[in-house]
């Protein structure tokens, strides 16, 4: 399963690292590729929980505005 998250609040590569670490820490996530230019994250894994991904990104200090 693959999902694309739109993430607001990222301004630099440290932000990218924080969001990547937060997403990779979720059970079931096998990869997370975060792109600063497009303000997005592509997450792959088994049963991806939208609420868990939103919560992890929020805990890192950023906001998920859409999940596709």
N, C-alpha and C. Protein backbone atom coordinates (compact mmCIF):
# COMPACT_ATOMS: atom_id res chain seq x y z
N UNK A 1 0.84 -1.18 0.00
CA UNK A 1 0.00 0.00 0.00
C UNK A 1 0.89 1.24 0.00
N UNK A 2 0.48 2.25 -0.75
CA UNK A 2 1.23 3.50 -0.81
C UNK A 2 0.27 4.67 -0.61
N UNK A 3 0.68 5.62 0.21
CA UNK A 3 -0.12 6.82 0.43
C UNK A 3 0.77 8.05 0.33
N UNK A 4 0.19 9.14 -0.17
CA UNK A 4 0.91 10.40 -0.28
C UNK A 4 0.28 11.40 0.68
N UNK A 5 1.12 11.96 1.54
CA UNK A 5 0.66 12.94 2.52
C UNK A 5 1.12 14.33 2.10
N UNK A 6 0.25 15.32 2.23
CA UNK A 6 0.64 16.71 2.05
C UNK A 6 0.94 17.26 3.43
N UNK A 7 2.18 17.76 3.62
CA UNK A 7 2.63 18.18 4.93
C UNK A 7 2.96 19.67 4.93
N UNK A 8 2.36 20.41 5.83
CA UNK A 8 2.63 21.84 5.97
C UNK A 8 3.57 22.08 7.14
N UNK A 9 4.38 23.13 7.02
CA UNK A 9 5.24 23.54 8.12
C UNK A 9 6.71 23.21 7.93
N UNK A 10 7.04 22.44 6.91
CA UNK A 10 8.45 22.09 6.67
C UNK A 10 9.13 23.25 5.94
N UNK A 11 10.31 23.64 6.45
CA UNK A 11 11.03 24.75 5.84
C UNK A 11 12.48 24.41 5.47
N UNK A 12 12.99 23.27 5.97
CA UNK A 12 14.39 22.94 5.72
C UNK A 12 14.60 21.43 5.78
N UNK A 13 15.83 21.00 5.53
CA UNK A 13 16.13 19.58 5.54
C UNK A 13 16.02 18.95 6.93
N UNK A 14 16.19 19.75 7.98
CA UNK A 14 15.99 19.21 9.33
C UNK A 14 14.52 18.84 9.52
N UNK A 15 13.63 19.65 8.96
CA UNK A 15 12.19 19.35 9.01
C UNK A 15 11.93 18.02 8.30
N UNK A 16 12.54 17.85 7.14
CA UNK A 16 12.38 16.61 6.37
C UNK A 16 12.83 15.41 7.20
N UNK A 17 13.96 15.55 7.88
CA UNK A 17 14.47 14.46 8.71
C UNK A 17 13.50 14.14 9.86
N UNK A 18 12.93 15.17 10.49
CA UNK A 18 12.00 14.96 11.60
C UNK A 18 10.75 14.22 11.13
N UNK A 19 10.20 14.64 9.98
CA UNK A 19 8.99 14.00 9.47
C UNK A 19 9.29 12.56 9.04
N UNK A 20 10.43 12.36 8.39
CA UNK A 20 10.82 11.01 7.96
C UNK A 20 10.94 10.08 9.16
N UNK A 21 11.62 10.54 10.20
CA UNK A 21 11.81 9.72 11.41
C UNK A 21 10.47 9.41 12.06
N UNK A 22 9.59 10.40 12.11
CA UNK A 22 8.27 10.20 12.72
C UNK A 22 7.47 9.15 11.95
N UNK A 23 7.48 9.23 10.63
CA UNK A 23 6.71 8.29 9.83
C UNK A 23 7.31 6.88 9.87
N UNK A 24 8.63 6.78 9.85
CA UNK A 24 9.27 5.46 9.88
C UNK A 24 9.08 4.78 11.23
N UNK A 25 8.73 5.55 12.26
CA UNK A 25 8.52 4.99 13.58
C UNK A 25 7.15 4.34 13.76
N UNK A 26 6.30 4.46 12.76
CA UNK A 26 4.95 3.90 12.85
C UNK A 26 4.97 2.43 12.45
N UNK A 27 4.30 1.62 13.22
CA UNK A 27 4.20 0.19 12.93
C UNK A 27 3.57 -0.02 11.55
N UNK A 28 4.19 -0.87 10.74
CA UNK A 28 3.66 -1.18 9.41
C UNK A 28 4.28 -0.38 8.29
N UNK A 29 4.96 0.72 8.62
CA UNK A 29 5.59 1.55 7.58
C UNK A 29 6.92 0.91 7.18
N UNK A 30 7.08 0.66 5.88
CA UNK A 30 8.32 0.07 5.38
C UNK A 30 9.24 1.11 4.77
N UNK A 31 8.65 2.22 4.25
CA UNK A 31 9.48 3.31 3.74
C UNK A 31 8.71 4.61 3.79
N UNK A 32 9.45 5.70 3.95
CA UNK A 32 8.86 7.04 3.96
C UNK A 32 9.84 7.97 3.25
N UNK A 33 9.40 8.56 2.15
CA UNK A 33 10.23 9.49 1.39
C UNK A 33 9.57 10.85 1.45
N UNK A 34 10.26 11.80 2.10
CA UNK A 34 9.70 13.13 2.31
C UNK A 34 10.41 14.11 1.37
N UNK A 35 9.61 14.95 0.69
CA UNK A 35 10.15 15.91 -0.26
C UNK A 35 9.78 17.33 0.17
N UNK A 36 10.80 18.13 0.42
CA UNK A 36 10.58 19.50 0.89
C UNK A 36 9.94 20.37 -0.19
N UNK A 37 10.41 20.25 -1.43
CA UNK A 37 9.93 21.11 -2.51
C UNK A 37 8.42 20.96 -2.75
N UNK A 38 7.94 19.73 -2.71
CA UNK A 38 6.52 19.51 -2.95
C UNK A 38 5.70 19.43 -1.67
N UNK A 39 6.39 19.56 -0.53
CA UNK A 39 5.75 19.48 0.79
C UNK A 39 4.92 18.20 0.90
N UNK A 40 5.54 17.08 0.51
CA UNK A 40 4.82 15.82 0.53
C UNK A 40 5.67 14.70 1.10
N UNK A 41 4.97 13.63 1.47
CA UNK A 41 5.64 12.43 1.95
C UNK A 41 4.95 11.24 1.31
N UNK A 42 5.73 10.34 0.71
CA UNK A 42 5.19 9.11 0.15
C UNK A 42 5.53 7.99 1.13
N UNK A 43 4.50 7.37 1.67
CA UNK A 43 4.67 6.35 2.68
C UNK A 43 4.20 5.01 2.12
N UNK A 44 5.02 3.98 2.33
CA UNK A 44 4.66 2.64 1.88
C UNK A 44 4.69 1.69 3.06
N UNK A 45 3.80 0.70 3.01
CA UNK A 45 3.77 -0.30 4.06
C UNK A 45 2.53 -1.15 3.99
N UNK A 46 2.32 -1.91 5.05
CA UNK A 46 1.16 -2.80 5.11
C UNK A 46 -0.11 -2.01 5.34
N UNK A 47 -0.77 -2.24 6.45
CA UNK A 47 -2.00 -1.54 6.79
C UNK A 47 -1.65 -0.16 7.35
N UNK A 48 -1.63 0.85 6.48
CA UNK A 48 -1.27 2.21 6.91
C UNK A 48 -2.47 2.89 7.55
N UNK A 49 -2.28 3.39 8.76
CA UNK A 49 -3.34 4.05 9.52
C UNK A 49 -3.21 5.56 9.37
N UNK A 50 -4.19 6.16 8.68
CA UNK A 50 -4.15 7.60 8.44
C UNK A 50 -4.04 8.40 9.74
N UNK A 51 -4.81 8.00 10.75
CA UNK A 51 -4.80 8.72 12.03
C UNK A 51 -3.43 8.63 12.69
N UNK A 52 -2.79 7.47 12.61
CA UNK A 52 -1.47 7.30 13.22
C UNK A 52 -0.43 8.15 12.50
N UNK A 53 -0.54 8.23 11.17
CA UNK A 53 0.41 9.05 10.41
C UNK A 53 0.22 10.52 10.73
N UNK A 54 -1.03 10.98 10.79
CA UNK A 54 -1.30 12.38 11.15
C UNK A 54 -0.77 12.70 12.54
N UNK A 55 -1.00 11.79 13.48
CA UNK A 55 -0.57 12.01 14.87
C UNK A 55 0.95 12.06 14.97
N UNK A 56 1.64 11.16 14.25
CA UNK A 56 3.11 11.13 14.30
C UNK A 56 3.70 12.41 13.73
N UNK A 57 3.14 12.88 12.62
CA UNK A 57 3.63 14.12 12.00
C UNK A 57 3.32 15.31 12.91
N UNK A 58 2.15 15.32 13.52
CA UNK A 58 1.78 16.40 14.44
C UNK A 58 2.71 16.42 15.65
N UNK A 59 3.04 15.24 16.18
CA UNK A 59 3.96 15.16 17.32
C UNK A 59 5.34 15.69 16.96
N UNK A 60 5.70 15.59 15.67
CA UNK A 60 6.99 16.11 15.21
C UNK A 60 6.94 17.62 14.98
N UNK A 61 5.73 18.20 15.04
CA UNK A 61 5.58 19.65 14.91
C UNK A 61 5.10 20.13 13.56
N UNK A 62 4.51 19.23 12.78
CA UNK A 62 4.06 19.60 11.43
C UNK A 62 2.61 19.17 11.27
N UNK A 63 1.99 19.54 10.15
CA UNK A 63 0.57 19.25 9.95
C UNK A 63 0.34 18.52 8.64
N UNK A 64 -0.39 17.41 8.71
CA UNK A 64 -0.83 16.71 7.49
C UNK A 64 -2.13 17.35 7.07
N UNK A 65 -2.16 17.93 5.87
CA UNK A 65 -3.38 18.61 5.40
C UNK A 65 -4.19 17.75 4.44
N UNK A 66 -3.57 16.70 3.89
CA UNK A 66 -4.31 15.80 2.98
C UNK A 66 -3.57 14.48 2.89
N UNK A 67 -4.35 13.41 2.67
CA UNK A 67 -3.79 12.08 2.45
C UNK A 67 -4.48 11.50 1.22
N UNK A 68 -3.66 11.08 0.26
CA UNK A 68 -4.21 10.48 -0.97
C UNK A 68 -3.66 9.09 -1.15
